[in-house]
């Protein structure tokens, strides 16, 4: 990693990617981070793939102005359609959240039966099925779209009765498939972990891609240098939506690191 203080660029459709930022703060010490939450155009899940791809390129253009040394697509919907495009376009490493999460699920499963839940766009893209075929063709994937989860998280509602009832209904296909591992195929979903665990039961392992993605970032960048006590890491947050809402919910989900949030308006 050397002493390269250029930031790692991270983006998501909203607040969910903060789960990846949390993992990066914990697992890649000293690295500066700039995070863009596109809450003004949220949610991505129901949108057409070409529209999400356009958004991804626009956000990356902004992050490149900060001279990022790596891009992390902390959004499954965007990673499903934009990862290969951005890898072809950029001169810096690009890391997504799909393959790291599946690799972790493969290590965790005892039966090979893995459930994947995600947005409508992510599940419809077939990105998880293609990644599973590359990682281990013997894996049995059962995928289920979960419309509504992201909206609840963005509102700060992660454990109400309404959320629990929705989870019971949407998780029915993966429960019926007798999976023993469930991939949370959206970076918003770890914030629903308690509700999801209640519905799935104690024998099902929940896998979040956040930590695995941070480990992948660390692998690509190399071992961090010794921390310099004279220098504090810089973490910047930018949102295309309401700044006060982002700051309030961001602090709740990420922690005190969300001190200052910049506003961005799409023209």
C-alpha atoms as a PDB file:
ATOM      1  CA  UNK A   1       0.000   0.000   0.000  1.00  0.00           C
ATOM      2  CA  UNK A   2       3.012   2.250   0.482  1.00  0.00           C
ATOM      3  CA  UNK A   3       2.310   5.798   1.595  1.00  0.00           C
ATOM      4  CA  UNK A   4      -0.224   6.536  -1.109  1.00  0.00           C
ATOM      5  CA  UNK A   5      -2.767   8.837   0.539  1.00  0.00           C
ATOM      6  CA  UNK A   6      -5.092   9.070  -2.440  1.00  0.00           C
ATOM      7  CA  UNK A   7      -8.574   8.035  -1.288  1.00  0.00           C
ATOM      8  CA  UNK A   8     -10.498   4.876  -2.000  1.00  0.00           C
ATOM      9  CA  UNK A   9     -13.677   5.864  -3.856  1.00  0.00           C
ATOM     10  CA  UNK A  10     -16.864   4.095  -2.736  1.00  0.00           C
ATOM     11  CA  UNK A  11     -20.392   4.547  -4.060  1.00  0.00           C
ATOM     12  CA  UNK A  12     -23.892   3.218  -3.552  1.00  0.00           C
ATOM     13  CA  UNK A  13     -27.446   4.223  -4.380  1.00  0.00           C
ATOM     14  CA  UNK A  14     -27.886   5.436  -0.813  1.00  0.00           C
ATOM     15  CA  UNK A  15     -26.869   4.515   2.714  1.00  0.00           C
ATOM     16  CA  UNK A  16     -26.298   0.781   2.318  1.00  0.00           C
ATOM     17  CA  UNK A  17     -22.726   1.165   1.128  1.00  0.00           C
ATOM     18  CA  UNK A  18     -21.856   2.580   4.538  1.00  0.00           C
ATOM     19  CA  UNK A  19     -21.679  -1.047   5.692  1.00  0.00           C
ATOM     20  CA  UNK A  20     -18.723  -1.404   3.313  1.00  0.00           C
ATOM     21  CA  UNK A  21     -17.209   1.856   4.575  1.00  0.00           C
ATOM     22  CA  UNK A  22     -17.481   0.530   8.137  1.00  0.00           C
ATOM     23  CA  UNK A  23     -15.578  -2.599   7.111  1.00  0.00           C
ATOM     24  CA  UNK A  24     -12.940  -0.541   5.285  1.00  0.00           C
ATOM     25  CA  UNK A  25     -12.429   1.656   8.340  1.00  0.00           C
ATOM     26  CA  UNK A  26     -11.903  -1.437  10.470  1.00  0.00           C
ATOM     27  CA  UNK A  27      -9.920  -3.619   8.066  1.00  0.00           C
ATOM     28  CA  UNK A  28      -7.912  -1.165   5.943  1.00  0.00           C
ATOM     29  CA  UNK A  29      -6.442   1.133   8.599  1.00  0.00           C
ATOM     30  CA  UNK A  30      -5.175   4.542   7.563  1.00  0.00           C
ATOM     31  CA  UNK A  31      -6.793   4.554   4.123  1.00  0.00           C
ATOM     32  CA  UNK A  32      -8.602   7.742   3.145  1.00  0.00           C
ATOM     33  CA  UNK A  33     -12.116   7.248   1.771  1.00  0.00           C
ATOM     34  CA  UNK A  34     -14.560   9.322  -0.256  1.00  0.00           C
ATOM     35  CA  UNK A  35     -18.126   7.987  -0.304  1.00  0.00           C
ATOM     36  CA  UNK A  36     -20.890   9.013  -2.703  1.00  0.00           C
ATOM     37  CA  UNK A  37     -24.448   8.067  -1.771  1.00  0.00           C
ATOM     38  CA  UNK A  38     -26.774   8.717  -4.713  1.00  0.00           C
ATOM     39  CA  UNK A  39     -29.852   9.133  -2.533  1.00  0.00           C
ATOM     40  CA  UNK A  40     -31.281  11.750  -4.891  1.00  0.00           C
ATOM     41  CA  UNK A  41     -31.815   9.025  -7.523  1.00  0.00           C
ATOM     42  CA  UNK A  42     -32.438   6.156  -5.117  1.00  0.00           C
ATOM     43  CA  UNK A  43     -33.466   3.327  -5.424  1.00  0.00           C
ATOM     44  CA  UNK A  44     -31.479   1.636  -8.200  1.00  0.00           C
ATOM     45  CA  UNK A  45     -33.054  -1.821  -7.851  1.00  0.00           C
ATOM     46  CA  UNK A  46     -36.214  -1.256  -9.931  1.00  0.00           C
ATOM     47  CA  UNK A  47     -34.482   0.886 -12.585  1.00  0.00           C
ATOM     48  CA  UNK A  48     -33.469  -0.395 -16.065  1.00  0.00           C
ATOM     49  CA  UNK A  49     -29.904  -1.667 -16.347  1.00  0.00           C
ATOM     50  CA  UNK A  50     -28.853   0.981 -18.884  1.00  0.00           C
ATOM     51  CA  UNK A  51     -30.019   3.741 -16.537  1.00  0.00           C
ATOM     52  CA  UNK A  52     -28.052   2.293 -13.593  1.00  0.00           C
ATOM     53  CA  UNK A  53     -24.999   1.965 -15.850  1.00  0.00           C
ATOM     54  CA  UNK A  54     -25.315   5.642 -16.820  1.00  0.00           C
ATOM     55  CA  UNK A  55     -25.535   6.627 -13.144  1.00  0.00           C
ATOM     56  CA  UNK A  56     -22.463   4.574 -12.300  1.00  0.00           C
ATOM     57  CA  UNK A  57     -20.363   6.285 -14.967  1.00  0.00           C
ATOM     58  CA  UNK A  58     -21.532   9.728 -13.812  1.00  0.00           C
ATOM     59  CA  UNK A  59     -20.610   8.984 -10.192  1.00  0.00           C
ATOM     60  CA  UNK A  60     -17.230   7.601 -11.186  1.00  0.00           C
ATOM     61  CA  UNK A  61     -16.497  10.790 -13.142  1.00  0.00           C
ATOM     62  CA  UNK A  62     -17.044  12.702  -9.883  1.00  0.00           C
ATOM     63  CA  UNK A  63     -14.895  10.356  -7.807  1.00  0.00           C
ATOM     64  CA  UNK A  64     -12.071  10.557 -10.345  1.00  0.00           C
ATOM     65  CA  UNK A  65     -11.874  14.294  -9.615  1.00  0.00           C
ATOM     66  CA  UNK A  66     -10.679  13.273  -6.132  1.00  0.00           C
ATOM     67  CA  UNK A  67      -7.829  11.285  -7.723  1.00  0.00           C
ATOM     68  CA  UNK A  68      -8.994   7.973  -6.238  1.00  0.00           C
ATOM     69  CA  UNK A  69      -6.565   5.066  -6.240  1.00  0.00           C
ATOM     70  CA  UNK A  70      -9.277   2.381  -6.215  1.00  0.00           C
ATOM     71  CA  UNK A  71     -13.010   2.162  -6.850  1.00  0.00           C
ATOM     72  CA  UNK A  72     -15.372   0.079  -4.708  1.00  0.00           C
ATOM     73  CA  UNK A  73     -18.859  -0.443  -6.123  1.00  0.00           C
ATOM     74  CA  UNK A  74     -20.696  -0.869  -2.820  1.00  0.00           C
ATOM     75  CA  UNK A  75     -24.008  -1.469  -4.561  1.00  0.00           C
ATOM     76  CA  UNK A  76     -25.069  -4.850  -5.879  1.00  0.00           C
ATOM     77  CA  UNK A  77     -27.437  -3.345  -8.451  1.00  0.00           C
ATOM     78  CA  UNK A  78     -24.642  -1.193  -9.890  1.00  0.00           C
ATOM     79  CA  UNK A  79     -22.023  -3.947  -9.651  1.00  0.00           C
ATOM     80  CA  UNK A  80     -24.302  -6.317 -11.551  1.00  0.00           C
ATOM     81  CA  UNK A  81     -24.412  -4.058 -14.604  1.00  0.00           C
ATOM     82  CA  UNK A  82     -21.354  -1.784 -14.373  1.00  0.00           C
ATOM     83  CA  UNK A  83     -18.434  -3.765 -12.928  1.00  0.00           C
ATOM     84  CA  UNK A  84     -16.994  -5.042 -16.220  1.00  0.00           C
ATOM     85  CA  UNK A  85     -17.589  -1.703 -17.980  1.00  0.00           C
ATOM     86  CA  UNK A  86     -15.755   0.207 -15.273  1.00  0.00           C
ATOM     87  CA  UNK A  87     -12.879  -2.254 -15.113  1.00  0.00           C
ATOM     88  CA  UNK A  88     -12.390  -1.817 -18.861  1.00  0.00           C
ATOM     89  CA  UNK A  89     -12.554   1.962 -18.591  1.00  0.00           C
ATOM     90  CA  UNK A  90     -10.488   2.777 -15.487  1.00  0.00           C
ATOM     91  CA  UNK A  91      -6.761   2.621 -14.832  1.00  0.00           C
ATOM     92  CA  UNK A  92      -7.323   1.985 -11.108  1.00  0.00           C
ATOM     93  CA  UNK A  93      -8.485  -1.322  -9.556  1.00  0.00           C
ATOM     94  CA  UNK A  94     -12.248  -1.814  -9.356  1.00  0.00           C
ATOM     95  CA  UNK A  95     -13.776  -4.068  -6.683  1.00  0.00           C
ATOM     96  CA  UNK A  96     -17.428  -5.132  -6.540  1.00  0.00           C
ATOM     97  CA  UNK A  97     -19.457  -6.794  -3.804  1.00  0.00           C
ATOM     98  CA  UNK A  98     -20.876  -9.831  -5.610  1.00  0.00           C
ATOM     99  CA  UNK A  99     -17.981 -12.291  -5.879  1.00  0.00           C
ATOM    100  CA  UNK A 100     -16.544 -11.582  -2.389  1.00  0.00           C
ATOM    101  CA  UNK A 101     -19.936 -12.357  -0.849  1.00  0.00           C
ATOM    102  CA  UNK A 102     -20.350 -15.567  -2.802  1.00  0.00           C
ATOM    103  CA  UNK A 103     -16.862 -16.769  -1.929  1.00  0.00           C
ATOM    104  CA  UNK A 104     -17.657 -16.250   1.745  1.00  0.00           C
ATOM    105  CA  UNK A 105     -20.919 -18.176   1.333  1.00  0.00           C
ATOM    106  CA  UNK A 106     -19.090 -21.054  -0.312  1.00  0.00           C
ATOM    107  CA  UNK A 107     -16.785 -21.284   2.696  1.00  0.00           C
ATOM    108  CA  UNK A 108     -19.727 -21.167   5.103  1.00  0.00           C
ATOM    109  CA  UNK A 109     -22.129 -23.626   3.473  1.00  0.00           C
ATOM    110  CA  UNK A 110     -22.277 -27.252   4.602  1.00  0.00           C
ATOM    111  CA  UNK A 111     -24.744 -28.472   1.975  1.00  0.00           C
ATOM    112  CA  UNK A 112     -23.956 -26.307  -1.047  1.00  0.00           C
ATOM    113  CA  UNK A 113     -27.480 -24.879  -0.957  1.00  0.00           C
ATOM    114  CA  UNK A 114     -27.131 -21.096  -0.837  1.00  0.00           C
ATOM    115  CA  UNK A 115     -29.837 -18.456  -0.879  1.00  0.00           C
ATOM    116  CA  UNK A 116     -29.289 -15.007  -2.359  1.00  0.00           C
ATOM    117  CA  UNK A 117     -31.585 -12.062  -1.704  1.00  0.00           C
ATOM    118  CA  UNK A 118     -31.267  -8.762  -3.526  1.00  0.00           C
ATOM    119  CA  UNK A 119     -33.083  -6.009  -5.337  1.00  0.00           C
ATOM    120  CA  UNK A 120     -35.236  -6.747  -8.363  1.00  0.00           C
ATOM    121  CA  UNK A 121     -32.497  -5.447 -10.660  1.00  0.00           C
ATOM    122  CA  UNK A 122     -29.710  -7.469  -9.067  1.00  0.00           C
ATOM    123  CA  UNK A 123     -31.640 -10.736  -9.111  1.00  0.00           C
ATOM    124  CA  UNK A 124     -32.962 -10.197 -12.651  1.00  0.00           C
ATOM    125  CA  UNK A 125     -29.427  -9.504 -13.919  1.00  0.00           C
ATOM    126  CA  UNK A 126     -28.293 -13.076 -13.213  1.00  0.00           C
ATOM    127  CA  UNK A 127     -24.999 -11.707 -11.870  1.00  0.00           C
ATOM    128  CA  UNK A 128     -24.968 -13.994  -8.827  1.00  0.00           C
ATOM    129  CA  UNK A 129     -25.747 -17.070 -10.909  1.00  0.00           C
ATOM    130  CA  UNK A 130     -22.897 -16.244 -13.306  1.00  0.00           C
ATOM    131  CA  UNK A 131     -20.493 -15.608 -10.439  1.00  0.00           C
ATOM    132  CA  UNK A 132     -21.465 -18.896  -8.776  1.00  0.00           C
ATOM    133  CA  UNK A 133     -20.798 -20.761 -12.010  1.00  0.00           C
ATOM    134  CA  UNK A 134     -17.285 -19.294 -12.071  1.00  0.00           C
ATOM    135  CA  UNK A 135     -16.588 -19.916  -8.376  1.00  0.00           C
ATOM    136  CA  UNK A 136     -18.079 -23.416  -8.017  1.00  0.00           C
ATOM    137  CA  UNK A 137     -20.585 -24.894 -10.512  1.00  0.00           C
ATOM    138  CA  UNK A 138     -21.706 -27.389  -7.841  1.00  0.00           C
ATOM    139  CA  UNK A 139     -23.320 -24.661  -5.741  1.00  0.00           C
ATOM    140  CA  UNK A 140     -27.143 -24.668  -5.714  1.00  0.00           C
ATOM    141  CA  UNK A 141     -28.398 -21.096  -5.697  1.00  0.00           C
ATOM    142  CA  UNK A 142     -31.928 -20.007  -4.853  1.00  0.00           C
ATOM    143  CA  UNK A 143     -32.386 -16.314  -5.557  1.00  0.00           C
ATOM    144  CA  UNK A 144     -35.212 -14.083  -4.373  1.00  0.00           C
ATOM    145  CA  UNK A 145     -35.905 -10.427  -5.080  1.00  0.00           C
ATOM    146  CA  UNK A 146     -36.873  -8.383  -2.034  1.00  0.00           C
ATOM    147  CA  UNK A 147     -38.560  -5.152  -3.130  1.00  0.00           C
ATOM    148  CA  UNK A 148     -39.229  -2.845  -0.210  1.00  0.00           C
ATOM    149  CA  UNK A 149     -36.279  -3.771   2.015  1.00  0.00           C
ATOM    150  CA  UNK A 150     -34.050  -0.950   0.787  1.00  0.00           C
ATOM    151  CA  UNK A 151     -36.771   1.641   1.245  1.00  0.00           C
ATOM    152  CA  UNK A 152     -37.305   0.584   4.872  1.00  0.00           C
ATOM    153  CA  UNK A 153     -33.578   0.826   5.600  1.00  0.00           C
ATOM    154  CA  UNK A 154     -33.313   4.275   4.018  1.00  0.00           C
ATOM    155  CA  UNK A 155     -36.156   5.402   6.296  1.00  0.00           C
ATOM    156  CA  UNK A 156     -34.321   4.039   9.337  1.00  0.00           C
ATOM    157  CA  UNK A 157     -36.899   1.291   9.941  1.00  0.00           C
ATOM    158  CA  UNK A 158     -35.072  -2.025  10.328  1.00  0.00           C
ATOM    159  CA  UNK A 159     -37.048  -3.994  12.918  1.00  0.00           C
ATOM    160  CA  UNK A 160     -40.725  -2.997  12.890  1.00  0.00           C
ATOM    161  CA  UNK A 161     -43.568  -5.512  12.665  1.00  0.00           C
ATOM    162  CA  UNK A 162     -44.165  -4.328   9.111  1.00  0.00           C
ATOM    163  CA  UNK A 163     -40.596  -5.176   8.111  1.00  0.00           C
ATOM    164  CA  UNK A 164     -40.886  -8.590   9.769  1.00  0.00           C
ATOM    165  CA  UNK A 165     -44.099  -9.438   7.909  1.00  0.00           C
ATOM    166  CA  UNK A 166     -42.532  -8.399   4.602  1.00  0.00           C
ATOM    167  CA  UNK A 167     -39.451 -10.521   5.335  1.00  0.00           C
ATOM    168  CA  UNK A 168     -41.608 -13.572   6.115  1.00  0.00           C
ATOM    169  CA  UNK A 169     -43.239 -13.268   2.699  1.00  0.00           C
ATOM    170  CA  UNK A 170     -40.175 -12.435   0.597  1.00  0.00           C
ATOM    171  CA  UNK A 171     -37.872 -15.028   2.181  1.00  0.00           C
ATOM    172  CA  UNK A 172     -40.353 -17.881   1.668  1.00  0.00           C
ATOM    173  CA  UNK A 173     -38.609 -19.201  -1.516  1.00  0.00           C
ATOM    174  CA  UNK A 174     -35.186 -19.506   0.125  1.00  0.00           C
ATOM    175  CA  UNK A 175     -36.666 -21.080   3.250  1.00  0.00           C
ATOM    176  CA  UNK A 176     -38.517 -23.637   1.111  1.00  0.00           C
ATOM    177  CA  UNK A 177     -35.240 -24.464  -0.668  1.00  0.00           C
ATOM    178  CA  UNK A 178     -33.699 -25.465   2.704  1.00  0.00           C
ATOM    179  CA  UNK A 179     -30.641 -23.276   2.233  1.00  0.00           C
ATOM    180  CA  UNK A 180     -28.098 -23.277   5.037  1.00  0.00           C
ATOM    181  CA  UNK A 181     -26.454 -20.003   4.003  1.00  0.00           C
ATOM    182  CA  UNK A 182     -28.030 -16.731   2.926  1.00  0.00           C
ATOM    183  CA  UNK A 183     -26.107 -14.069   1.003  1.00  0.00           C
ATOM    184  CA  UNK A 184     -27.337 -10.563   1.721  1.00  0.00           C
ATOM    185  CA  UNK A 185     -27.055  -9.431  -1.885  1.00  0.00           C
ATOM    186  CA  UNK A 186     -27.567  -5.750  -1.181  1.00  0.00           C
ATOM    187  CA  UNK A 187     -25.390  -3.598   1.034  1.00  0.00           C
ATOM    188  CA  UNK A 188     -28.510  -2.247   2.757  1.00  0.00           C
ATOM    189  CA  UNK A 189     -29.523  -5.682   4.017  1.00  0.00           C
ATOM    190  CA  UNK A 190     -26.969  -6.142   6.837  1.00  0.00           C
ATOM    191  CA  UNK A 191     -28.893  -3.415   8.639  1.00  0.00           C
ATOM    192  CA  UNK A 192     -31.867  -5.825   8.627  1.00  0.00           C
ATOM    193  CA  UNK A 193     -29.769  -8.734   9.925  1.00  0.00           C
ATOM    194  CA  UNK A 194     -31.698  -9.218  13.167  1.00  0.00           C
ATOM    195  CA  UNK A 195     -35.049  -9.448  11.380  1.00  0.00           C
ATOM    196  CA  UNK A 196     -33.631 -11.680   8.631  1.00  0.00           C
ATOM    197  CA  UNK A 197     -32.047 -14.013  11.194  1.00  0.00           C
ATOM    198  CA  UNK A 198     -35.348 -14.287  13.081  1.00  0.00           C
ATOM    199  CA  UNK A 199     -37.148 -15.291   9.890  1.00  0.00           C
ATOM    200  CA  UNK A 200     -34.495 -17.711   8.588  1.00  0.00           C
ATOM    201  CA  UNK A 201     -33.819 -19.417  11.924  1.00  0.00           C
ATOM    202  CA  UNK A 202     -30.644 -20.211  13.864  1.00  0.00           C
ATOM    203  CA  UNK A 203     -29.325 -22.872  11.470  1.00  0.00           C
ATOM    204  CA  UNK A 204     -28.881 -20.485   8.533  1.00  0.00           C
ATOM    205  CA  UNK A 205     -25.681 -18.443   8.285  1.00  0.00           C
ATOM    206  CA  UNK A 206     -26.138 -14.877   7.043  1.00  0.00           C
ATOM    207  CA  UNK A 207     -23.305 -13.631   4.837  1.00  0.00           C
ATOM    208  CA  UNK A 208     -22.695  -9.928   4.318  1.00  0.00           C
ATOM    209  CA  UNK A 209     -20.377  -8.946   1.503  1.00  0.00           C
ATOM    210  CA  UNK A 210     -19.110  -5.878   3.373  1.00  0.00           C
ATOM    211  CA  UNK A 211     -16.260  -7.504   5.309  1.00  0.00           C
ATOM    212  CA  UNK A 212     -15.321  -9.744   2.391  1.00  0.00           C
ATOM    213  CA  UNK A 213     -15.177  -6.730   0.087  1.00  0.00           C
ATOM    214  CA  UNK A 214     -12.895  -4.921   2.524  1.00  0.00           C
ATOM    215  CA  UNK A 215     -10.611  -7.962   2.674  1.00  0.00           C
ATOM    216  CA  UNK A 216     -10.518  -7.947  -1.133  1.00  0.00           C
ATOM    217  CA  UNK A 217      -9.558  -4.260  -1.113  1.00  0.00           C
ATOM    218  CA  UNK A 218      -6.795  -5.017   1.361  1.00  0.00           C
ATOM    219  CA  UNK A 219      -5.569  -7.925  -0.783  1.00  0.00           C
ATOM    220  CA  UNK A 220      -5.419  -5.750  -3.893  1.00  0.00           C
ATOM    221  CA  UNK A 221      -3.707  -2.816  -2.163  1.00  0.00           C
ATOM    222  CA  UNK A 222      -1.335  -4.949  -0.130  1.00  0.00           C
ATOM    223  CA  UNK A 223      -0.593  -4.852   3.579  1.00  0.00           C
ATOM    224  CA  UNK A 224      -1.016  -1.391   5.096  1.00  0.00           C
ATOM    225  CA  UNK A 225       2.085   0.506   6.200  1.00  0.00           C
ATOM    226  CA  UNK A 226       2.540   1.363   9.876  1.00  0.00           C
ATOM    227  CA  UNK A 227       0.032   4.002  10.902  1.00  0.00           C
ATOM    228  CA  UNK A 228       1.434   7.502  11.199  1.00  0.00           C
ATOM    229  CA  UNK A 229       0.400   9.117  14.490  1.00  0.00           C
ATOM    230  CA  UNK A 230       0.930  12.536  12.924  1.00  0.00           C
ATOM    231  CA  UNK A 231      -1.727  12.000  10.279  1.00  0.00           C
ATOM    232  CA  UNK A 232      -5.446  11.355  10.673  1.00  0.00           C
ATOM    233  CA  UNK A 233      -7.291   9.505   7.935  1.00  0.00           C
ATOM    234  CA  UNK A 234      -9.716  11.585   5.883  1.00  0.00           C
ATOM    235  CA  UNK A 235     -13.247  10.285   5.264  1.00  0.00           C
ATOM    236  CA  UNK A 236     -15.545  12.416   3.119  1.00  0.00           C
ATOM    237  CA  UNK A 237     -19.233  11.864   2.423  1.00  0.00           C
ATOM    238  CA  UNK A 238     -21.207  13.264  -0.497  1.00  0.00           C
ATOM    239  CA  UNK A 239     -24.910  12.769  -1.184  1.00  0.00           C
ATOM    240  CA  UNK A 240     -27.201  13.795  -4.024  1.00  0.00           C
ATOM    241  CA  UNK A 241     -30.164  13.737  -1.625  1.00  0.00           C
ATOM    242  CA  UNK A 242     -31.061  15.477   1.605  1.00  0.00           C
ATOM    243  CA  UNK A 243     -27.892  16.190   3.573  1.00  0.00           C
ATOM    244  CA  UNK A 244     -29.483  16.266   7.028  1.00  0.00           C
ATOM    245  CA  UNK A 245     -31.243  12.933   6.498  1.00  0.00           C
ATOM    246  CA  UNK A 246     -28.036  11.340   5.243  1.00  0.00           C
ATOM    247  CA  UNK A 247     -26.067  12.693   8.196  1.00  0.00           C
ATOM    248  CA  UNK A 248     -28.653  11.555  10.741  1.00  0.00           C
ATOM    249  CA  UNK A 249     -29.129   8.029   9.385  1.00  0.00           C
ATOM    250  CA  UNK A 250     -25.485   7.709   8.376  1.00  0.00           C
ATOM    251  CA  UNK A 251     -24.344   8.398  11.943  1.00  0.00           C
ATOM    252  CA  UNK A 252     -26.839   5.810  13.187  1.00  0.00           C
ATOM    253  CA  UNK A 253     -25.661   3.130  10.772  1.00  0.00           C
ATOM    254  CA  UNK A 254     -21.936   3.927  10.516  1.00  0.00           C
ATOM    255  CA  UNK A 255     -20.985   5.828  13.626  1.00  0.00           C
ATOM    256  CA  UNK A 256     -19.363   9.133  14.560  1.00  0.00           C
ATOM    257  CA  UNK A 257     -17.264   9.167  11.372  1.00  0.00           C
ATOM    258  CA  UNK A 258     -20.219  10.797   9.585  1.00  0.00           C
ATOM    259  CA  UNK A 259     -19.409  14.298  10.772  1.00  0.00           C
ATOM    260  CA  UNK A 260     -19.686  16.345   7.611  1.00  0.00           C
ATOM    261  CA  UNK A 261     -21.745  15.570   4.510  1.00  0.00           C
ATOM    262  CA  UNK A 262     -21.404  17.464   1.248  1.00  0.00           C
ATOM    263  CA  UNK A 263     -24.336  18.091  -1.060  1.00  0.00           C
ATOM    264  CA  UNK A 264     -24.233  17.325  -4.772  1.00  0.00           C
ATOM    265  CA  UNK A 265     -26.935  18.243  -7.263  1.00  0.00           C
ATOM    266  CA  UNK A 266     -27.261  16.533 -10.626  1.00  0.00           C
ATOM    267  CA  UNK A 267     -27.807  19.086 -13.367  1.00  0.00           C
END
